[in-house]
Protein backbone atom coordinates (compact mmCIF):
# COMPACT_ATOMS: atom_id res chain seq x y z
CA UNK A 1 3.03 -76.19 102.24
CA UNK A 2 1.10 -73.83 100.09
CA UNK A 3 2.61 -72.64 96.91
CA UNK A 4 1.63 -68.94 97.14
CA UNK A 5 3.08 -66.63 94.51
CA UNK A 6 5.32 -63.78 95.61
CA UNK A 7 4.73 -60.16 94.56
CA UNK A 8 7.88 -60.14 92.48
CA UNK A 9 6.72 -63.13 90.59
CA UNK A 10 3.38 -61.54 89.96
CA UNK A 11 5.07 -58.42 88.59
CA UNK A 12 7.08 -60.46 86.18
CA UNK A 13 3.96 -61.91 84.50
CA UNK A 14 3.21 -60.77 80.92
CA UNK A 15 0.38 -58.23 80.41
CA UNK A 16 -1.60 -57.58 77.17
CA UNK A 17 -0.68 -54.44 75.07
CA UNK A 18 -3.57 -52.05 74.57
CA UNK A 19 -3.58 -50.47 71.04
CA UNK A 20 -5.58 -47.24 70.71
CA UNK A 21 -7.96 -47.15 67.78
CA UNK A 22 -7.39 -44.57 64.93
CA UNK A 23 -10.74 -42.95 65.61
CA UNK A 24 -9.82 -42.22 69.21
CA UNK A 25 -6.47 -40.83 68.14
CA UNK A 26 -8.15 -38.49 65.68
CA UNK A 27 -10.58 -37.30 68.35
CA UNK A 28 -7.76 -36.51 70.74
CA UNK A 29 -5.96 -34.50 68.08
CA UNK A 30 -9.10 -32.54 67.32
CA UNK A 31 -9.64 -31.82 71.01
CA UNK A 32 -6.06 -30.57 71.32
CA UNK A 33 -6.52 -28.22 68.34
CA UNK A 34 -9.76 -26.85 69.72
CA UNK A 35 -8.10 -26.11 73.02
CA UNK A 36 -5.20 -24.23 71.27
CA UNK A 37 -5.41 -20.49 71.82
CA UNK A 38 -5.66 -18.46 68.56
CA UNK A 39 -3.32 -15.44 68.33
CA UNK A 40 -5.11 -12.09 68.49
CA UNK A 41 -5.94 -10.41 65.16
CA UNK A 42 -4.26 -7.03 64.88
CA UNK A 43 -6.61 -4.12 64.52
CA UNK A 44 -6.91 -2.59 61.05
CA UNK A 45 -5.04 0.65 60.58
CA UNK A 46 -7.28 3.68 60.03
CA UNK A 47 -7.80 4.82 56.36
CA UNK A 48 -6.39 8.24 55.73
CA UNK A 49 -8.34 10.20 53.07
CA UNK A 50 -6.33 11.86 50.26
CA UNK A 51 -6.18 15.61 50.53
CA UNK A 52 -8.59 17.47 48.25
CA UNK A 53 -6.84 19.83 45.80
CA UNK A 54 -8.93 22.95 45.65
CA UNK A 55 -6.49 25.08 43.59
CA UNK A 56 -4.55 24.28 40.38
CA UNK A 57 -1.06 23.03 40.93
CA UNK A 58 1.81 25.04 39.57
CA UNK A 59 4.62 23.48 37.54
CA UNK A 60 7.82 25.51 37.37
CA UNK A 61 8.66 26.74 33.88
CA UNK A 62 8.14 29.54 31.39
CA UNK A 63 4.94 30.51 29.62
CA UNK A 64 5.28 30.39 25.85
CA UNK A 65 4.93 33.73 24.18
CA UNK A 66 2.08 33.89 21.67
CA UNK A 67 1.25 36.71 19.32
CA UNK A 68 -2.28 38.08 19.30
CA UNK A 69 -3.12 39.81 16.03
CA UNK A 70 -6.40 41.05 14.62
CA UNK A 71 -7.44 40.70 10.96
CA UNK A 72 -7.61 44.49 10.53
CA UNK A 73 -3.92 44.76 11.49
CA UNK A 74 -3.03 42.29 8.75
CA UNK A 75 -5.27 44.11 6.28
CA UNK A 76 -3.40 47.34 6.93
CA UNK A 77 -0.14 45.49 6.42
CA UNK A 78 -1.21 43.82 3.16
CA UNK A 79 -4.49 45.22 1.75
CA UNK A 80 -6.57 43.60 -0.95
CA UNK A 81 -6.81 40.00 0.25
CA UNK A 82 -10.00 38.10 1.04
CA UNK A 83 -11.25 38.00 4.62
CA UNK A 84 -10.64 34.25 4.77
CA UNK A 85 -6.98 34.83 3.91
CA UNK A 86 -6.53 37.27 6.82
CA UNK A 87 -8.15 34.79 9.18
CA UNK A 88 -5.86 32.03 7.95
CA UNK A 89 -2.81 34.27 8.32
CA UNK A 90 -3.89 35.15 11.86
CA UNK A 91 -4.20 31.46 12.69
CA UNK A 92 -0.65 30.84 11.45
CA UNK A 93 0.66 33.68 13.61
CA UNK A 94 -1.32 32.52 16.67
CA UNK A 95 0.40 29.12 16.77
CA UNK A 96 3.86 30.60 16.23
CA UNK A 97 6.07 30.39 19.36
CA UNK A 98 8.36 33.40 19.58
CA UNK A 99 10.90 31.89 21.99
CA UNK A 100 11.39 28.94 19.63
CA UNK A 101 11.82 31.08 16.51
CA UNK A 102 14.90 30.05 14.54
CA UNK A 103 16.29 30.85 11.12
CA UNK A 104 15.58 27.27 10.01
CA UNK A 105 11.89 27.63 10.83
CA UNK A 106 11.76 30.94 9.02
CA UNK A 107 13.49 29.51 5.93
CA UNK A 108 10.98 26.62 5.78
CA UNK A 109 7.97 28.93 6.31
CA UNK A 110 5.45 28.20 3.52
CA UNK A 111 7.77 25.67 1.87
CA UNK A 112 5.11 22.92 1.84
CA UNK A 113 2.62 25.23 0.13
CA UNK A 114 5.13 26.10 -2.57
CA UNK A 115 5.91 22.44 -3.16
CA UNK A 116 2.19 21.64 -3.37
CA UNK A 117 1.78 24.31 -6.05
CA UNK A 118 4.74 22.89 -7.99
CA UNK A 119 3.15 19.44 -7.91
CA UNK A 120 -0.14 20.87 -9.20
CA UNK A 121 1.66 22.52 -12.12
CA UNK A 122 3.12 19.14 -13.01
CA UNK A 123 -0.31 17.50 -12.84
CA UNK A 124 -1.83 20.16 -15.09
CA UNK A 125 0.97 19.70 -17.62
CA UNK A 126 0.43 15.94 -17.65
CA UNK A 127 -3.30 16.38 -18.17
CA UNK A 128 -2.74 18.82 -21.03
CA UNK A 129 -1.01 15.98 -22.89
CA UNK A 130 -3.94 13.61 -22.43
CA UNK A 131 -4.60 11.67 -25.64
CA UNK A 132 -8.37 12.00 -25.27
CA UNK A 133 -8.19 15.69 -26.21
CA UNK A 134 -6.27 15.07 -29.42
CA UNK A 135 -8.45 12.07 -30.24
CA UNK A 136 -11.78 13.86 -29.89
CA UNK A 137 -10.45 17.01 -31.55
CA UNK A 138 -9.28 14.97 -34.55
CA UNK A 139 -12.72 13.34 -34.81
CA UNK A 140 -14.42 16.73 -34.82
CA UNK A 141 -11.95 18.19 -37.32
CA UNK A 142 -12.50 15.30 -39.72
CA UNK A 143 -16.27 15.59 -39.30
CA UNK A 144 -16.20 19.30 -40.16
CA UNK A 145 -13.93 18.66 -43.16
CA UNK A 146 -16.36 16.10 -44.56
CA UNK A 147 -19.39 18.28 -43.98
CA UNK A 148 -17.71 21.34 -45.48
CA UNK A 149 -16.86 19.34 -48.61
CA UNK A 150 -20.42 18.23 -49.34
CA UNK A 151 -22.15 19.99 -52.24
CA UNK A 152 -25.71 18.82 -51.86
CA UNK A 153 -27.14 20.73 -54.81
CA UNK A 154 -24.60 19.17 -57.16
CA UNK A 155 -25.03 15.71 -55.65
CA UNK A 156 -28.78 15.98 -56.17
CA UNK A 157 -28.29 16.92 -59.82
CA UNK A 158 -28.93 20.65 -59.49
CA UNK A 159 -25.44 21.91 -60.15
CA UNK A 160 -24.06 23.50 -63.35
CA UNK A 161 -24.20 20.99 -66.18
CA UNK A 162 -21.56 22.28 -68.55
CA UNK A 163 -18.89 20.09 -70.10
CA UNK A 164 -16.12 21.86 -68.20
CA UNK A 165 -17.99 21.43 -64.91
CA UNK A 166 -18.40 17.71 -65.52
CA UNK A 167 -14.67 17.39 -66.29
CA UNK A 168 -13.70 19.29 -63.16
CA UNK A 169 -16.12 17.21 -61.14
CA UNK A 170 -13.87 14.19 -61.65
CA UNK A 171 -10.78 15.85 -60.19
CA UNK A 172 -12.15 18.16 -57.48
CA UNK A 173 -12.12 17.37 -53.78
CA UNK A 174 -15.77 18.13 -53.19
CA UNK A 175 -18.37 15.52 -52.38
CA UNK A 176 -20.85 16.18 -55.15
CA UNK A 177 -22.00 12.77 -56.42
CA UNK A 178 -24.37 10.20 -54.91
CA UNK A 179 -21.52 7.69 -54.73
CA UNK A 180 -19.31 10.11 -52.79
CA UNK A 181 -22.26 10.95 -50.54
CA UNK A 182 -22.62 7.26 -49.70
CA UNK A 183 -18.93 7.05 -48.73
CA UNK A 184 -19.23 10.23 -46.65
CA UNK A 185 -22.30 8.82 -44.91
CA UNK A 186 -20.43 5.68 -43.84
CA UNK A 187 -17.49 7.68 -42.47
CA UNK A 188 -19.74 10.14 -40.65
CA UNK A 189 -21.59 7.27 -38.96
CA UNK A 190 -18.26 5.86 -37.78
CA UNK A 191 -17.14 9.24 -36.44
CA UNK A 192 -20.39 9.69 -34.52
CA UNK A 193 -19.94 6.27 -32.89
CA UNK A 194 -16.33 7.06 -31.94
CA UNK A 195 -17.22 10.40 -30.37
CA UNK A 196 -20.13 8.90 -28.45
CA UNK A 197 -17.77 6.28 -27.03
CA UNK A 198 -15.18 8.92 -26.08
CA UNK A 199 -17.67 11.14 -24.26
CA UNK A 200 -17.34 9.33 -20.90
CA UNK A 201 -13.56 9.47 -21.08
CA UNK A 202 -13.71 13.14 -21.95
CA UNK A 203 -15.96 13.86 -18.95
CA UNK A 204 -13.53 12.04 -16.64
CA UNK A 205 -10.71 14.14 -18.02
CA UNK A 206 -12.71 17.33 -17.45
CA UNK A 207 -13.35 16.35 -13.81
CA UNK A 208 -9.65 15.66 -13.22
CA UNK A 209 -8.65 18.98 -14.72
CA UNK A 210 -11.30 20.82 -12.69
CA UNK A 211 -9.92 19.23 -9.52
CA UNK A 212 -6.41 20.49 -10.32
CA UNK A 213 -7.73 23.99 -11.04
CA UNK A 214 -9.65 24.12 -7.74
CA UNK A 215 -6.67 22.83 -5.73
CA UNK A 216 -4.45 25.41 -7.42
CA UNK A 217 -6.79 28.21 -6.40
CA UNK A 218 -6.83 26.89 -2.83
CA UNK A 219 -3.02 26.71 -2.85
CA UNK A 220 -2.95 30.35 -3.92
CA UNK A 221 -5.02 31.36 -0.89
CA UNK A 222 -2.73 29.39 1.43
CA UNK A 223 0.38 30.97 -0.09
CA UNK A 224 -1.09 34.44 0.28
CA UNK A 225 -1.88 33.79 3.96
CA UNK A 226 1.64 32.46 4.55
CA UNK A 227 3.15 35.51 2.82
CA UNK A 228 1.11 37.97 4.94
CA UNK A 229 2.02 36.08 8.13
CA UNK A 230 5.72 36.06 7.17
CA UNK A 231 5.65 39.80 6.54
CA UNK A 232 4.03 40.40 9.93
CA UNK A 233 6.50 38.15 11.76
CA UNK A 234 9.39 39.90 10.06
CA UNK A 235 8.25 43.21 11.51
CA UNK A 236 7.35 41.71 14.89
CA UNK A 237 10.78 40.08 15.36
CA UNK A 238 12.73 43.10 14.18
CA UNK A 239 15.13 44.37 16.88
CA UNK A 240 14.48 41.14 18.81
CA UNK A 241 15.77 38.45 16.51
CA UNK A 242 17.11 40.34 13.54
CA UNK A 243 18.48 37.31 11.67
CA UNK A 244 15.17 35.46 11.95
CA UNK A 245 13.28 38.62 10.96
CA UNK A 246 15.42 38.90 7.82
CA UNK A 247 14.67 35.28 6.84
CA UNK A 248 10.94 35.94 7.27
CA UNK A 249 11.21 39.00 5.04
CA UNK A 250 12.87 36.89 2.35
CA UNK A 251 10.19 34.21 2.66
CA UNK A 252 7.43 36.80 2.35
CA UNK A 253 8.96 37.99 -0.93
CA UNK A 254 9.38 34.44 -2.29
CA UNK A 255 5.83 33.46 -1.39
CA UNK A 256 4.47 36.63 -2.98
CA UNK A 257 6.31 35.82 -6.21
CA UNK A 258 4.81 32.33 -6.26
CA UNK A 259 1.38 33.84 -5.69
CA UNK A 260 1.93 36.14 -8.66
CA UNK A 261 2.68 33.11 -10.85
CA UNK A 262 -0.56 31.46 -9.77
CA UNK A 263 -2.56 34.56 -10.62
CA UNK A 264 -0.83 34.97 -13.98
CA UNK A 265 -1.70 31.37 -14.82
CA UNK A 266 -5.39 31.88 -14.11
CA UNK A 267 -6.22 32.66 -17.74
CA UNK A 268 -4.30 29.61 -18.93
CA UNK A 269 -6.12 27.37 -16.47
CA UNK A 270 -9.45 28.75 -17.63
CA UNK A 271 -8.57 27.96 -21.24
CA UNK A 272 -7.43 24.48 -20.28
CA UNK A 273 -10.71 23.85 -18.53
CA UNK A 274 -12.75 25.37 -21.35
CA UNK A 275 -11.28 23.00 -23.96
CA UNK A 276 -12.83 19.74 -22.70
CA UNK A 277 -16.05 21.57 -21.80
CA UNK A 278 -16.41 22.87 -25.37
CA UNK A 279 -15.68 19.43 -26.81
CA UNK A 280 -18.31 17.86 -24.55
CA UNK A 281 -20.79 20.53 -25.67
CA UNK A 282 -20.02 19.88 -29.35
CA UNK A 283 -20.57 16.14 -28.94
CA UNK A 284 -23.71 16.38 -26.82
CA UNK A 285 -25.47 19.23 -28.63
CA UNK A 286 -24.38 18.76 -32.24
CA UNK A 287 -22.79 15.39 -32.97
CA UNK A 288 -25.34 13.31 -31.07
CA UNK A 289 -28.39 15.53 -31.75
CA UNK A 290 -28.14 17.32 -35.10
CA UNK A 291 -25.74 15.15 -37.06
CA UNK A 292 -27.69 11.85 -37.00
CA UNK A 293 -30.67 13.52 -38.67
CA UNK A 294 -28.48 14.92 -41.45
CA UNK A 295 -26.84 11.53 -41.98
CA UNK A 296 -30.37 10.18 -42.42
CA UNK A 297 -30.96 12.79 -45.12
CA UNK A 298 -27.83 11.67 -46.95
CA UNK A 299 -29.06 8.09 -46.80
CA UNK A 300 -32.36 9.19 -48.31
CA UNK A 301 -30.58 10.92 -51.19
CA UNK A 302 -28.53 7.85 -52.04
CA UNK A 303 -31.61 5.61 -51.76
CA UNK A 304 -33.66 7.84 -54.06
CA UNK A 305 -30.78 8.00 -56.53
CA UNK A 306 -30.73 4.20 -56.67
CA UNK A 307 -34.44 4.21 -57.62
CA UNK A 308 -33.91 6.95 -60.21
CA UNK A 309 -36.09 9.30 -58.17
CA UNK A 310 -35.08 12.94 -58.45
CA UNK A 311 -34.86 15.31 -55.48
CA UNK A 312 -36.24 18.75 -56.09
CA UNK A 313 -33.99 21.76 -55.89
CA UNK A 314 -36.05 23.08 -52.97
CA UNK A 315 -35.50 19.88 -51.00
CA UNK A 316 -31.81 19.93 -51.79
CA UNK A 317 -31.61 23.59 -50.78
CA UNK A 318 -33.25 22.88 -47.41
CA UNK A 319 -30.76 20.11 -46.69
CA UNK A 320 -27.90 22.36 -47.73
CA UNK A 321 -29.11 25.01 -45.27
CA UNK A 322 -29.27 22.41 -42.50
CA UNK A 323 -25.74 21.32 -43.39
CA UNK A 324 -24.39 24.87 -43.09
CA UNK A 325 -26.09 25.22 -39.69
CA UNK A 326 -24.42 22.04 -38.40
CA UNK A 327 -20.99 23.20 -39.56
CA UNK A 328 -21.45 26.61 -37.90
CA UNK A 329 -22.59 24.98 -34.66
CA UNK A 330 -19.52 22.75 -34.62
CA UNK A 331 -17.22 25.67 -35.31
CA UNK A 332 -18.72 27.80 -32.53
CA UNK A 333 -18.55 24.90 -30.06
CA UNK A 334 -14.88 24.16 -30.70
CA UNK A 335 -13.55 27.68 -31.27
């Protein structure tokens, strides 16, 4: 009897498991992705161009009221000022906004200019107390005192030779001996050196004072322009803003008074400025030019006296004339 196997038995036999390789799995995944349908891309929306503005846009509001004024109008209101002052006053009026005019603004009109002038007065007062002026002036005064005391004829042995004159010579204050001339020479040399050293400081002081004078003159022009503008605004605002107009009238008067003070002080400022200029002139033209030569003459007299060599009366007279010229030059430079 054959031992044939039944179908059920054959089905129950074990079969080998087939494992798919990673490469094949990756290929299948790629094929599936390639077969996937991509969603449609939406069409881009059309670009709408911005409208072109061909006319200026209007913003609701109120136009600020400005005042147009010509220089000739201001000249009729306040004659006698410089043309630049009228232009400056017109510029102040042009930027003034009528609808924003208040009493506070009117009260403060020109206040900064008045304060600037007050500061300049303080600066000028401080400069007038500068020690360099007193120092150089004292040097020049002492120099002139020494020179005025020198009696060259007597020092050279050409003075009166009486007994009484010789007695008085011992007690007088004149420089009339070779020994006194030598002492005067040493002091004069020292004074010349001191004044030469002070010249640079004196020039710096002069420049500072000149700057204050120029700024004061400029402040005067600004105050005058502010006063004219205040007077105009007072009239312009009358019957519109009477209280503000009154404040402007008061400011115009106050500014005019300050301007008067500046003009009254013009002579004083000129004198202040002239003082250092005259001292500089005295040092440059006399002390450093004429005086060294005369000091050399004094040295010659004392040297000749030491060698018992007499100086003729003519030579002594010439030196005395030169001495008088130096003293007069110093006086005219410092007067």
